[in-house]
Amino acid sequence: MEDINEQEKECPVKRTINLFQGKWNLRIIYELSKQEALRFGALKRAIPNISNTVLTSTLKELENQGLVLRKQFNEIPPHVEYSLTESAKELDQVFQAMRDWGNKYL
């Protein structure tokens, strides 16, 4: 059994899939990939079925995974912008492959 767990740790596909296991993770990354940065409200409008609580917790999770950057502006009124890290921006190639596959088979 330990051999299987070690194999899973070594497989980059499985490790990548694990990053996107949450219901909203890929959708948030996709929406952020379409803009340089988005404020919370704009992201919420782009994903209308997600609750504020789930969006907040998922953004924190993605930030902890090193996929999302959170930038706080101490202005009046204060606001926060979210964007993708450089490594997450490389996922655009994955989204393009998914678009191509979807156009061909769906």
C-alpha atoms as a PDB file:
ATOM      1  CA  MET A   1       0.000   0.000   0.000  1.00  0.00           C
ATOM      2  CA  GLU A   2       2.844   2.401   0.750  1.00  0.00           C
ATOM      3  CA  ASP A   3       4.216   1.840  -2.748  1.00  0.00           C
ATOM      4  CA  ILE A   4       0.968   3.146  -4.260  1.00  0.00           C
ATOM      5  CA  ASN A   5       1.089   6.298  -2.105  1.00  0.00           C
ATOM      6  CA  GLU A   6       4.704   6.870  -3.107  1.00  0.00           C
ATOM      7  CA  GLN A   7       3.749   6.439  -6.779  1.00  0.00           C
ATOM      8  CA  GLU A   8       0.967   9.001  -6.383  1.00  0.00           C
ATOM      9  CA  LYS A   9       3.408  11.475  -4.805  1.00  0.00           C
ATOM     10  CA  GLU A  10       5.768  11.023  -7.733  1.00  0.00           C
ATOM     11  CA  CYS A  11       3.160  11.384 -10.482  1.00  0.00           C
ATOM     12  CA  PRO A  12       2.975  15.025 -11.634  1.00  0.00           C
ATOM     13  CA  VAL A  13      -0.454  14.503 -13.216  1.00  0.00           C
ATOM     14  CA  LYS A  14      -1.954  13.266  -9.950  1.00  0.00           C
ATOM     15  CA  ARG A  15      -0.290  16.068  -7.968  1.00  0.00           C
ATOM     16  CA  THR A  16      -1.670  18.628 -10.428  1.00  0.00           C
ATOM     17  CA  ILE A  17      -5.160  17.132 -10.305  1.00  0.00           C
ATOM     18  CA  ASN A  18      -5.042  17.363  -6.504  1.00  0.00           C
ATOM     19  CA  LEU A  19      -4.595  21.146  -6.780  1.00  0.00           C
ATOM     20  CA  PHE A  20      -7.940  21.406  -8.564  1.00  0.00           C
ATOM     21  CA  GLN A  21     -10.068  19.049  -6.482  1.00  0.00           C
ATOM     22  CA  GLY A  22     -12.310  21.743  -5.031  1.00  0.00           C
ATOM     23  CA  LYS A  23     -15.582  22.392  -6.836  1.00  0.00           C
ATOM     24  CA  TRP A  24     -14.697  25.994  -7.703  1.00  0.00           C
ATOM     25  CA  ASN A  25     -10.878  25.940  -7.974  1.00  0.00           C
ATOM     26  CA  LEU A  26     -10.611  25.575 -11.749  1.00  0.00           C
ATOM     27  CA  ARG A  27     -13.457  28.015 -12.387  1.00  0.00           C
ATOM     28  CA  ILE A  28     -11.807  30.713 -10.255  1.00  0.00           C
ATOM     29  CA  ILE A  29      -8.444  30.159 -11.928  1.00  0.00           C
ATOM     30  CA  TYR A  30     -10.119  30.309 -15.343  1.00  0.00           C
ATOM     31  CA  GLU A  31     -11.907  33.585 -14.545  1.00  0.00           C
ATOM     32  CA  LEU A  32      -8.684  35.106 -13.208  1.00  0.00           C
ATOM     33  CA  SER A  33      -6.839  33.977 -16.334  1.00  0.00           C
ATOM     34  CA  LYS A  34      -9.085  36.185 -18.474  1.00  0.00           C
ATOM     35  CA  GLN A  35      -8.061  39.417 -16.685  1.00  0.00           C
ATOM     36  CA  GLU A  36      -4.861  40.885 -15.278  1.00  0.00           C
ATOM     37  CA  ALA A  37      -6.529  41.229 -11.854  1.00  0.00           C
ATOM     38  CA  LEU A  38     -10.058  41.118 -10.460  1.00  0.00           C
ATOM     39  CA  ARG A  39     -11.645  42.568  -7.380  1.00  0.00           C
ATOM     40  CA  PHE A  40     -13.745  40.284  -5.205  1.00  0.00           C
ATOM     41  CA  GLY A  41     -17.058  41.698  -6.469  1.00  0.00           C
ATOM     42  CA  ALA A  42     -16.090  41.284 -10.127  1.00  0.00           C
ATOM     43  CA  LEU A  43     -15.027  37.708  -9.483  1.00  0.00           C
ATOM     44  CA  LYS A  44     -18.303  37.045  -7.678  1.00  0.00           C
ATOM     45  CA  ARG A  45     -20.267  38.420 -10.659  1.00  0.00           C
ATOM     46  CA  ALA A  46     -18.287  36.178 -13.011  1.00  0.00           C
ATOM     47  CA  ILE A  47     -19.254  33.137 -10.911  1.00  0.00           C
ATOM     48  CA  PRO A  48     -22.794  33.963  -9.739  1.00  0.00           C
ATOM     49  CA  ASN A  49     -23.599  30.563  -8.165  1.00  0.00           C
ATOM     50  CA  ILE A  50     -20.761  30.692  -5.630  1.00  0.00           C
ATOM     51  CA  SER A  51     -21.392  32.064  -2.134  1.00  0.00           C
ATOM     52  CA  ASN A  52     -19.212  34.807  -0.645  1.00  0.00           C
ATOM     53  CA  THR A  53     -17.990  32.413   2.049  1.00  0.00           C
ATOM     54  CA  VAL A  54     -16.976  29.709  -0.419  1.00  0.00           C
ATOM     55  CA  LEU A  55     -15.327  32.228  -2.743  1.00  0.00           C
ATOM     56  CA  THR A  56     -13.329  33.674   0.148  1.00  0.00           C
ATOM     57  CA  SER A  57     -12.200  30.279   1.443  1.00  0.00           C
ATOM     58  CA  THR A  58     -11.334  29.000  -2.037  1.00  0.00           C
ATOM     59  CA  LEU A  59      -9.295  32.126  -2.807  1.00  0.00           C
ATOM     60  CA  LYS A  60      -7.386  31.629   0.467  1.00  0.00           C
ATOM     61  CA  GLU A  61      -6.763  27.985  -0.415  1.00  0.00           C
ATOM     62  CA  LEU A  62      -5.507  28.903  -3.895  1.00  0.00           C
ATOM     63  CA  GLU A  63      -3.311  31.610  -2.372  1.00  0.00           C
ATOM     64  CA  ASN A  64      -1.824  29.056   0.066  1.00  0.00           C
ATOM     65  CA  GLN A  65      -1.145  26.720  -2.884  1.00  0.00           C
ATOM     66  CA  GLY A  66       0.794  29.491  -4.634  1.00  0.00           C
ATOM     67  CA  LEU A  67      -1.675  29.890  -7.502  1.00  0.00           C
ATOM     68  CA  VAL A  68      -3.372  33.192  -6.605  1.00  0.00           C
ATOM     69  CA  LEU A  69      -1.942  36.515  -5.458  1.00  0.00           C
ATOM     70  CA  ARG A  70      -3.917  38.799  -3.141  1.00  0.00           C
ATOM     71  CA  LYS A  71      -3.041  42.497  -3.214  1.00  0.00           C
ATOM     72  CA  GLN A  72      -4.619  44.800  -0.652  1.00  0.00           C
ATOM     73  CA  PHE A  73      -4.883  48.511  -1.379  1.00  0.00           C
ATOM     74  CA  ASN A  74      -5.021  50.692   1.728  1.00  0.00           C
ATOM     75  CA  GLU A  75      -7.005  53.481   0.126  1.00  0.00           C
ATOM     76  CA  ILE A  76     -10.377  55.022   0.812  1.00  0.00           C
ATOM     77  CA  PRO A  77     -12.344  52.914   0.198  1.00  0.00           C
ATOM     78  CA  PRO A  78      -9.984  49.962   0.753  1.00  0.00           C
ATOM     79  CA  HIS A  79     -10.092  47.167  -1.772  1.00  0.00           C
ATOM     80  CA  VAL A  80      -8.403  43.885  -2.673  1.00  0.00           C
ATOM     81  CA  GLU A  81      -7.437  42.535  -6.079  1.00  0.00           C
ATOM     82  CA  TYR A  82      -6.745  38.922  -6.978  1.00  0.00           C
ATOM     83  CA  SER A  83      -4.528  37.724  -9.801  1.00  0.00           C
ATOM     84  CA  LEU A  84      -2.727  34.584 -10.866  1.00  0.00           C
ATOM     85  CA  THR A  85       0.856  33.846  -9.975  1.00  0.00           C
ATOM     86  CA  GLU A  86       3.306  33.388 -12.837  1.00  0.00           C
ATOM     87  CA  SER A  87       3.156  29.611 -12.497  1.00  0.00           C
ATOM     88  CA  ALA A  88      -0.661  29.662 -12.551  1.00  0.00           C
ATOM     89  CA  LYS A  89      -0.618  31.831 -15.687  1.00  0.00           C
ATOM     90  CA  GLU A  90       1.017  28.918 -17.465  1.00  0.00           C
ATOM     91  CA  LEU A  91      -2.265  27.050 -17.057  1.00  0.00           C
ATOM     92  CA  ASP A  92      -3.576  29.111 -19.966  1.00  0.00           C
ATOM     93  CA  GLN A  93      -2.041  26.465 -22.218  1.00  0.00           C
ATOM     94  CA  VAL A  94      -4.149  23.857 -20.416  1.00  0.00           C
ATOM     95  CA  PHE A  95      -7.304  25.959 -20.885  1.00  0.00           C
ATOM     96  CA  GLN A  96      -6.496  26.370 -24.584  1.00  0.00           C
ATOM     97  CA  ALA A  97      -6.133  22.598 -24.933  1.00  0.00           C
ATOM     98  CA  MET A  98      -9.483  22.158 -23.162  1.00  0.00           C
ATOM     99  CA  ARG A  99     -11.089  24.714 -25.527  1.00  0.00           C
ATOM    100  CA  ASP A 100      -9.689  22.902 -28.535  1.00  0.00           C
ATOM    101  CA  TRP A 101     -10.873  19.537 -27.250  1.00  0.00           C
ATOM    102  CA  GLY A 102     -14.319  20.933 -26.373  1.00  0.00           C
ATOM    103  CA  ASN A 103     -14.715  22.498 -29.807  1.00  0.00           C
ATOM    104  CA  LYS A 104     -13.786  19.237 -31.448  1.00  0.00           C
ATOM    105  CA  TYR A 105     -15.775  16.759 -29.345  1.00  0.00           C
ATOM    106  CA  LEU A 106     -18.646  18.590 -27.613  1.00  0.00           C
END
